[in-house]
Protein backbone atom coordinates (compact mmCIF):
# COMPACT_ATOMS: atom_id res chain seq x y z
CA MET A 1 132.39 -131.62 -200.32
CA LEU A 2 130.52 -133.65 -197.70
CA PHE A 3 133.67 -134.49 -195.80
CA HIS A 4 134.73 -130.86 -195.33
CA SER A 5 131.28 -129.39 -194.74
CA SER A 6 130.24 -131.96 -192.11
CA ILE A 7 133.40 -131.46 -190.07
CA ARG A 8 133.22 -127.65 -190.25
CA LYS A 9 129.55 -127.60 -189.20
CA GLU A 10 130.19 -129.78 -186.19
CA LEU A 11 133.28 -127.75 -185.27
CA ALA A 12 131.21 -124.56 -185.44
CA ARG A 13 128.56 -125.95 -183.08
CA SER A 14 131.14 -127.29 -180.65
CA PHE A 15 133.20 -124.10 -180.74
CA GLY A 16 130.17 -121.87 -180.10
CA ALA A 17 129.01 -123.92 -177.12
CA THR A 18 132.51 -124.15 -175.66
CA LEU A 19 133.12 -120.43 -176.09
CA VAL A 20 129.90 -119.54 -174.27
CA VAL A 21 130.76 -121.82 -171.34
CA LEU A 22 134.36 -120.60 -171.05
CA PHE A 23 133.32 -116.97 -171.41
CA THR A 24 130.76 -117.36 -168.62
CA ILE A 25 133.29 -119.02 -166.31
CA VAL A 26 136.00 -116.41 -166.96
CA LEU A 27 133.50 -113.56 -166.65
CA THR A 28 132.34 -114.86 -163.26
CA MET A 29 135.92 -115.27 -161.99
CA LEU A 30 136.95 -111.80 -163.18
CA LEU A 31 133.80 -110.26 -161.69
CA ILE A 32 134.66 -111.70 -158.28
CA ARG A 33 138.24 -110.46 -158.66
CA THR A 34 137.12 -106.97 -159.71
CA LEU A 35 134.67 -106.73 -156.81
CA GLY A 36 137.52 -107.68 -154.48
CA LEU A 37 139.68 -104.90 -155.93
CA ALA A 38 136.83 -102.44 -155.50
CA SER A 39 136.33 -103.45 -151.86
CA ARG A 40 140.05 -102.87 -151.19
CA GLY A 41 139.92 -99.42 -152.78
CA SER A 42 142.00 -100.27 -155.86
CA VAL A 43 139.14 -99.74 -158.31
CA ASN A 44 136.37 -97.16 -158.37
CA PRO A 45 133.10 -98.95 -157.49
CA GLU A 46 131.34 -96.83 -160.09
CA GLU A 47 133.69 -98.12 -162.81
CA ILE A 48 133.46 -101.85 -162.07
CA ALA A 49 131.67 -102.52 -165.35
CA LEU A 50 134.35 -100.69 -167.35
CA VAL A 51 137.24 -102.44 -165.58
CA LEU A 52 135.52 -105.80 -165.99
CA GLY A 53 134.85 -105.17 -169.67
CA TYR A 54 138.43 -104.17 -170.44
CA THR A 55 139.78 -107.13 -168.46
CA VAL A 56 137.55 -109.63 -170.28
CA ILE A 57 138.51 -108.16 -173.66
CA GLY A 58 142.17 -108.55 -172.75
CA ARG A 59 141.62 -112.21 -171.85
CA MET A 60 139.76 -113.04 -175.08
CA PRO A 61 142.83 -114.37 -177.00
CA THR A 62 143.41 -116.97 -174.30
CA ILE A 63 139.70 -117.83 -174.14
CA LEU A 64 139.49 -118.23 -177.92
CA THR A 65 142.61 -120.42 -177.98
CA LEU A 66 141.29 -122.79 -175.32
CA ALA A 67 137.78 -122.85 -176.84
CA LEU A 68 139.18 -123.76 -180.26
CA PHE A 69 141.39 -126.49 -178.80
CA ILE A 70 138.54 -128.05 -176.79
CA ALA A 71 136.14 -127.83 -179.76
CA ILE A 72 138.48 -129.75 -182.06
CA VAL A 73 139.26 -132.37 -179.42
CA PHE A 74 135.59 -132.92 -178.56
CA THR A 75 134.54 -133.10 -182.22
CA LEU A 76 137.17 -135.65 -183.17
CA SER A 77 136.53 -137.62 -179.97
CA ARG A 78 132.85 -137.86 -180.83
CA MET A 79 133.72 -139.07 -184.33
CA TYR A 80 136.01 -141.74 -182.92
CA ARG A 81 133.42 -142.79 -180.34
CA ASP A 82 130.64 -143.12 -182.95
CA SER A 83 132.95 -144.95 -185.41
CA GLU A 84 132.74 -142.16 -187.98
CA MET A 85 136.52 -141.99 -188.12
CA ILE A 86 136.65 -145.67 -189.07
CA ILE A 87 134.29 -144.98 -191.95
CA TRP A 88 136.37 -142.06 -193.20
CA PHE A 89 139.59 -144.06 -192.85
CA ALA A 90 138.02 -146.96 -194.76
CA SER A 91 136.98 -144.61 -197.55
CA GLY A 92 140.58 -143.56 -198.11
CA ARG A 93 140.90 -140.58 -195.78
CA SER A 94 144.04 -140.41 -193.65
CA LEU A 95 144.55 -138.59 -190.37
CA GLY A 96 146.48 -135.89 -192.20
CA GLY A 97 143.44 -135.34 -194.42
CA PHE A 98 141.60 -133.87 -191.42
CA ILE A 99 144.06 -130.99 -191.21
CA GLY A 100 142.53 -129.33 -194.28
CA PRO A 101 138.93 -128.92 -193.05
CA VAL A 102 140.06 -128.17 -189.51
CA MET A 103 142.40 -125.42 -190.68
CA ARG A 104 139.76 -123.98 -193.02
CA PHE A 105 137.50 -123.62 -190.01
CA SER A 106 140.24 -122.41 -187.67
CA TRP A 107 142.11 -119.80 -189.72
CA PRO A 108 139.61 -116.92 -189.12
CA ILE A 109 139.76 -117.60 -185.38
CA LEU A 110 143.55 -117.78 -185.47
CA LEU A 111 143.63 -114.45 -187.31
CA VAL A 112 141.37 -112.85 -184.69
CA ILE A 113 143.58 -114.22 -181.91
CA ALA A 114 146.71 -112.78 -183.53
CA LEU A 115 145.13 -109.35 -184.06
CA MET A 116 143.75 -109.23 -180.54
CA VAL A 117 147.00 -110.27 -178.86
CA PHE A 118 149.00 -107.69 -180.83
CA PHE A 119 146.62 -104.74 -180.68
CA VAL A 120 143.62 -105.31 -178.39
CA TRP A 121 145.57 -106.83 -175.48
CA PRO A 122 147.83 -103.78 -174.89
CA TRP A 123 144.93 -101.36 -175.50
CA ALA A 124 142.70 -103.08 -172.93
CA ASN A 125 145.50 -103.17 -170.36
CA GLN A 126 146.24 -99.49 -170.98
CA GLN A 127 142.60 -98.54 -170.42
CA THR A 128 142.45 -100.57 -167.21
CA ASP A 129 145.65 -98.98 -165.89
CA ASN A 130 144.32 -95.51 -166.72
CA LEU A 131 141.14 -96.17 -164.74
CA ARG A 132 143.13 -97.39 -161.73
CA ASP A 133 145.61 -94.52 -161.87
CA ARG A 134 142.85 -91.94 -162.11
CA PHE A 135 141.10 -93.48 -159.12
CA GLU A 136 144.31 -93.59 -157.07
CA ARG A 137 145.11 -89.94 -157.82
CA ARG A 138 141.92 -88.63 -156.29
CA GLY A 139 142.21 -85.73 -153.88
CA ASP A 140 141.81 -86.43 -150.18
CA LEU A 141 138.30 -84.96 -150.04
CA GLU A 142 137.21 -87.05 -153.00
CA ARG A 143 138.23 -90.18 -151.09
CA ILE A 144 135.91 -89.50 -148.16
CA GLU A 145 132.77 -91.62 -148.03
CA PRO A 146 130.11 -91.13 -145.29
CA GLY A 147 130.32 -93.77 -142.59
CA GLN A 148 133.72 -95.10 -143.65
CA PHE A 149 137.27 -94.56 -142.44
CA GLN A 150 139.31 -93.53 -145.47
CA GLU A 151 143.06 -93.13 -145.79
CA SER A 152 144.54 -90.17 -147.65
CA SER A 153 146.66 -90.59 -150.77
CA SER A 154 149.87 -89.95 -148.80
CA GLY A 155 148.94 -92.49 -146.13
CA ARG A 156 149.48 -89.95 -143.32
CA ARG A 157 145.84 -89.10 -142.68
CA VAL A 158 142.68 -91.02 -141.86
CA PHE A 159 139.29 -89.36 -142.35
CA PHE A 160 135.81 -90.18 -141.10
CA ILE A 161 132.57 -88.33 -141.68
CA ASP A 162 129.20 -89.42 -140.37
CA LYS A 163 126.85 -87.57 -142.73
CA ASP A 164 127.24 -85.12 -145.56
CA THR A 165 124.99 -82.96 -147.68
CA ALA A 166 123.82 -83.75 -151.19
CA ASP A 167 126.40 -81.47 -152.80
CA GLY A 168 129.23 -82.97 -150.71
CA THR A 169 130.50 -79.62 -149.39
CA GLU A 170 129.34 -79.98 -145.76
CA GLY A 171 129.33 -82.78 -143.22
CA ARG A 172 128.74 -83.72 -139.59
CA ASN A 173 130.68 -85.60 -136.91
CA ILE A 174 134.08 -85.35 -138.54
CA PHE A 175 137.20 -87.19 -137.39
CA ILE A 176 140.75 -86.69 -138.71
CA SER A 177 143.86 -88.54 -137.53
CA SER A 178 147.19 -87.45 -138.99
CA THR A 179 150.85 -88.35 -138.54
CA GLU A 180 153.53 -85.84 -139.49
CA LYS A 181 156.98 -86.59 -140.88
CA ASP A 182 158.63 -85.80 -137.51
CA GLY A 183 156.49 -88.47 -135.80
CA SER A 184 154.00 -86.18 -134.11
CA GLU A 185 150.39 -87.33 -134.12
CA THR A 186 147.24 -85.24 -134.19
CA VAL A 187 143.61 -86.24 -133.69
CA THR A 188 140.98 -83.67 -134.65
CA SER A 189 137.22 -84.04 -134.20
CA ALA A 190 134.41 -81.61 -134.92
CA ARG A 191 130.63 -81.54 -134.99
CA SER A 192 130.47 -80.09 -138.48
CA GLY A 193 132.65 -78.95 -141.34
CA ARG A 194 132.56 -77.46 -144.79
CA ILE A 195 134.82 -77.07 -147.81
CA GLU A 196 136.11 -73.63 -148.74
CA TRP A 197 138.49 -72.32 -151.37
CA LEU A 198 141.00 -69.66 -150.34
CA GLY A 199 142.63 -68.59 -153.56
CA GLU A 200 143.78 -71.76 -155.32
CA ARG A 201 143.97 -73.81 -152.12
CA GLN A 202 141.25 -76.04 -150.76
CA PHE A 203 140.57 -76.06 -147.02
CA LEU A 204 138.35 -78.08 -144.73
CA MET A 205 136.82 -75.67 -142.18
CA LEU A 206 135.80 -77.42 -138.95
CA ASN A 207 133.35 -76.02 -136.39
CA ASN A 208 132.92 -76.78 -132.66
CA GLY A 209 135.56 -79.39 -132.05
CA GLN A 210 138.78 -80.27 -130.28
CA ARG A 211 142.32 -81.17 -131.23
CA LEU A 212 144.69 -83.60 -129.49
CA GLU A 213 148.42 -83.38 -130.21
CA SER A 214 151.24 -85.65 -129.10
CA GLU A 215 154.94 -85.02 -129.68
CA PRO A 216 157.49 -87.84 -130.07
CA GLY A 217 159.41 -88.47 -126.86
CA GLN A 218 156.81 -86.73 -124.67
CA SER A 219 154.20 -88.51 -122.56
CA GLY A 220 151.71 -85.66 -122.29
CA LEU A 221 148.95 -84.64 -124.66
CA LYS A 222 148.09 -81.14 -125.75
CA VAL A 223 144.33 -80.62 -125.87
CA SER A 224 142.76 -77.58 -127.46
CA GLU A 225 139.18 -76.68 -128.28
CA PHE A 226 138.08 -74.47 -131.12
CA GLU A 227 134.99 -72.91 -132.58
CA GLU A 228 136.46 -72.86 -136.08
CA TYR A 229 139.58 -74.51 -137.39
CA GLY A 230 140.85 -74.83 -140.96
CA THR A 231 143.17 -77.48 -142.38
CA GLN A 232 144.44 -77.63 -145.93
CA ILE A 233 143.49 -80.72 -147.88
CA GLY A 234 145.88 -81.21 -150.80
CA ALA A 235 145.56 -83.21 -153.94
CA SER A 236 146.90 -86.69 -154.31
CA THR A 237 150.65 -87.01 -154.10
CA ILE A 238 150.88 -90.27 -155.99
CA SER A 239 153.59 -90.00 -158.59
CA GLU A 240 153.13 -90.90 -162.19
CA ARG A 241 153.85 -94.56 -162.73
CA GLY A 242 155.66 -95.85 -165.72
CA GLU A 243 153.69 -97.62 -168.41
CA ALA A 244 153.45 -101.34 -167.76
CA LEU A 245 154.92 -103.71 -170.33
CA LYS A 246 151.60 -105.35 -171.03
CA ALA A 247 150.10 -101.92 -171.80
CA ARG A 248 152.73 -100.94 -174.37
CA SER A 249 151.85 -101.19 -178.01
CA SER A 250 153.52 -103.83 -180.13
CA TRP A 251 155.16 -101.14 -182.26
CA ASP A 252 156.81 -99.63 -179.17
CA LEU A 253 158.14 -103.05 -178.17
CA ILE A 254 159.64 -103.53 -181.63
CA ALA A 255 161.08 -100.00 -181.71
CA THR A 256 162.79 -100.47 -178.31
CA PRO A 257 164.18 -104.02 -178.33
CA ASN A 258 165.52 -104.29 -174.79
CA SER A 259 165.26 -107.51 -172.78
CA ALA A 260 161.98 -106.66 -171.05
CA ASN A 261 160.31 -105.54 -174.27
CA LEU A 262 161.54 -108.60 -176.15
CA GLY A 263 160.12 -110.82 -173.43
CA GLU A 264 156.68 -109.22 -173.76
CA LEU A 265 156.90 -109.28 -177.56
CA GLY A 266 157.88 -112.95 -177.48
CA TRP A 267 154.89 -113.71 -175.29
CA ARG A 268 152.51 -112.03 -177.75
CA ILE A 269 154.00 -113.75 -180.78
CA GLY A 270 154.13 -117.00 -178.86
CA LEU A 271 150.45 -116.87 -177.94
CA ALA A 272 149.50 -116.56 -181.61
CA ILE A 273 151.80 -119.48 -182.50
CA THR A 274 150.46 -121.46 -179.56
CA ALA A 275 146.93 -121.22 -180.94
CA PHE A 276 148.15 -122.63 -184.27
CA ASN A 277 150.09 -125.43 -182.57
CA PHE A 278 147.07 -126.38 -180.49
CA VAL A 279 145.06 -126.97 -183.67
CA LEU A 280 147.69 -129.46 -184.88
CA ILE A 281 148.03 -131.01 -181.41
CA ALA A 282 144.27 -131.60 -181.26
CA VAL A 283 144.30 -133.43 -184.62
CA ALA A 284 147.42 -135.45 -183.85
CA THR A 285 146.66 -136.58 -180.31
CA THR A 286 142.89 -137.07 -180.15
CA THR A 287 141.93 -140.74 -180.05
CA GLY A 288 138.83 -142.75 -179.27
CA ASN A 289 139.22 -144.92 -176.18
CA PRO A 290 135.88 -146.34 -174.94
CA ARG A 291 137.42 -147.20 -171.58
CA ALA A 292 138.59 -143.65 -170.93
CA GLY A 293 135.33 -141.98 -172.02
CA ARG A 294 135.13 -138.25 -172.54
CA GLY A 295 137.05 -137.48 -169.36
CA GLY A 296 140.35 -138.77 -170.73
CA ASN A 297 140.49 -136.38 -173.66
CA LEU A 298 139.23 -133.48 -171.55
CA PHE A 299 141.91 -134.10 -168.93
CA PHE A 300 144.61 -134.23 -171.59
CA THR A 301 143.27 -131.04 -173.20
CA LEU A 302 143.37 -129.05 -169.98
CA PHE A 303 146.74 -130.47 -168.95
CA ALA A 304 148.31 -129.70 -172.34
CA PHE A 305 146.93 -126.17 -172.33
CA VAL A 306 148.11 -125.37 -168.80
CA PHE A 307 151.53 -126.92 -169.41
CA TYR A 308 152.11 -125.11 -172.72
CA TYR A 309 150.79 -121.82 -171.35
CA ASN A 310 153.07 -122.01 -168.31
CA LEU A 311 156.04 -122.68 -170.58
CA LEU A 312 155.02 -119.58 -172.52
CA ASN A 313 155.07 -117.44 -169.37
CA LEU A 314 158.30 -119.03 -168.18
CA GLY A 315 159.97 -118.27 -171.50
CA GLN A 316 158.86 -114.66 -171.24
CA SER A 317 160.62 -114.29 -167.89
CA TRP A 318 163.77 -115.95 -169.26
CA VAL A 319 163.91 -113.62 -172.25
CA ALA A 320 163.18 -110.58 -170.06
CA SER A 321 166.02 -111.52 -167.69
CA GLY A 322 168.45 -112.11 -170.57
CA GLN A 323 168.94 -115.82 -169.87
CA VAL A 324 167.94 -116.84 -173.39
CA SER A 325 167.56 -115.01 -176.69
CA LEU A 326 164.17 -114.38 -178.25
CA ALA A 327 165.00 -116.39 -181.39
CA GLY A 328 166.34 -119.32 -179.37
CA TYR A 329 163.30 -119.32 -177.10
CA MET A 330 160.84 -119.20 -180.01
CA LEU A 331 162.65 -121.91 -181.94
CA THR A 332 163.11 -124.22 -178.97
CA LEU A 333 159.61 -123.99 -177.51
CA HIS A 334 157.28 -123.50 -180.45
CA GLY A 335 159.48 -125.18 -183.04
CA GLY A 336 159.99 -128.11 -180.70
CA VAL A 337 156.26 -128.48 -180.06
CA LEU A 338 155.58 -128.33 -183.79
CA ALA A 339 158.22 -130.98 -184.51
CA ILE A 340 156.90 -133.31 -181.79
CA THR A 341 153.34 -132.86 -183.08
CA ALA A 342 154.40 -133.63 -186.65
CA PHE A 343 156.28 -136.75 -185.49
CA TRP A 344 153.27 -137.87 -183.43
CA MET A 345 150.98 -137.44 -186.43
CA PHE A 346 153.42 -139.37 -188.64
CA MET A 347 153.47 -142.27 -186.18
CA ARG A 348 149.68 -142.42 -186.10
CA HIS A 349 149.51 -142.16 -189.88
CA GLN A 350 151.83 -145.18 -190.10
CA ASN A 351 149.84 -147.01 -187.38
CA MET A 352 152.86 -146.92 -185.13
CA SER A 353 152.92 -146.50 -181.37
CA VAL A 354 155.58 -146.30 -178.71
CA ARG A 355 154.37 -149.51 -177.10
CA GLY A 356 154.32 -151.32 -180.45
CA TRP A 357 157.80 -150.06 -181.29
CA ILE A 358 159.13 -151.31 -177.92
CA ASN A 359 157.47 -154.72 -178.38
CA ALA A 360 158.89 -154.96 -181.89
CA ARG A 361 162.38 -154.19 -180.59
CA ARG A 362 162.01 -156.80 -177.87
CA ALA A 363 160.86 -159.44 -180.38
CA GLN A 364 163.72 -158.59 -182.70
CA ARG A 365 166.20 -158.89 -179.85
CA ALA A 366 164.71 -162.21 -178.75
CA ARG A 367 165.00 -163.63 -182.29
CA ALA A 368 168.59 -162.46 -182.46
CA LEU A 369 169.41 -164.23 -179.20
CA GLU A 370 167.66 -167.43 -180.37
CA SER A 371 169.59 -167.43 -183.65
CA ALA A 372 172.86 -166.82 -181.79
CA ALA A 373 172.11 -169.68 -179.40
CA ALA A 374 171.29 -172.00 -182.27
């Protein structure tokens, strides 16, 4: 049918263009964020592409939801602006008749969003957390980079090496500052050093240097020189962190229905429902106002998305803290939005408006007062 095919074709073009623009913007923002994490030592610089890829994949449900919402709003706005909607209305089509072709175009995207938010979102977050944990658990020697001051995993030592060899086992102009648990501080410098294994322990052997020691409560310094000095460099002491909620699979959340898990599960279910509600909101609220131009509908689209998305995150925190139940939260937020959207569409289908209803009530009241006065 011409009506269905024309709308779906234009929706496909608008959705593709919007998705490319949003994907580029989000990719740029996440790249800047990932580079910042790498500069602070939270992410391995050699794994920036992997971290960025997993992060973008995890954000795809939100990107697809916003792209679909904007595509529907822009398509219907263009039809209103070019008077195509008037032609369709005059031929017997109602506003509710647009739900059919819009949903036929949207249901594959909605299915992808639901699958990604339930399965891809936790998998991508788990992969990103694994990369960060592996980078944070590096041994002290693996953290050393030539020409940079680097803190050890325990935070009690600071290393500096000027130059090292290609195999990374020897270096020159070495500096080590350490603070012990009793408060004593030690500064060790050497012209050269090398890595040696004594049994199963790894040592840094320093040559031709000096060592400065200070004890807490004493004003003097103990200075000693050495031709060779060895210090043990242990592995990372970072403890194993618990799995984050966003990295847990949906099956684990269902199997362990505590407050925190229900909050995360409600957020995932809610995001899938939000995408569906946004399709109906776009059909029900999009209008053609020549005075507002394209900016009016775009502003409403972004405002509605941000507002609804923030309510989604707020509801997650309420469910996680036990303030509301998952069923009550889902029914109140998403059921309420669906009911308001259906009522809005009914009013437009009946050519009703809030302003017209108020004016009608005022006129009715004025006639009643005139009849009472007469």
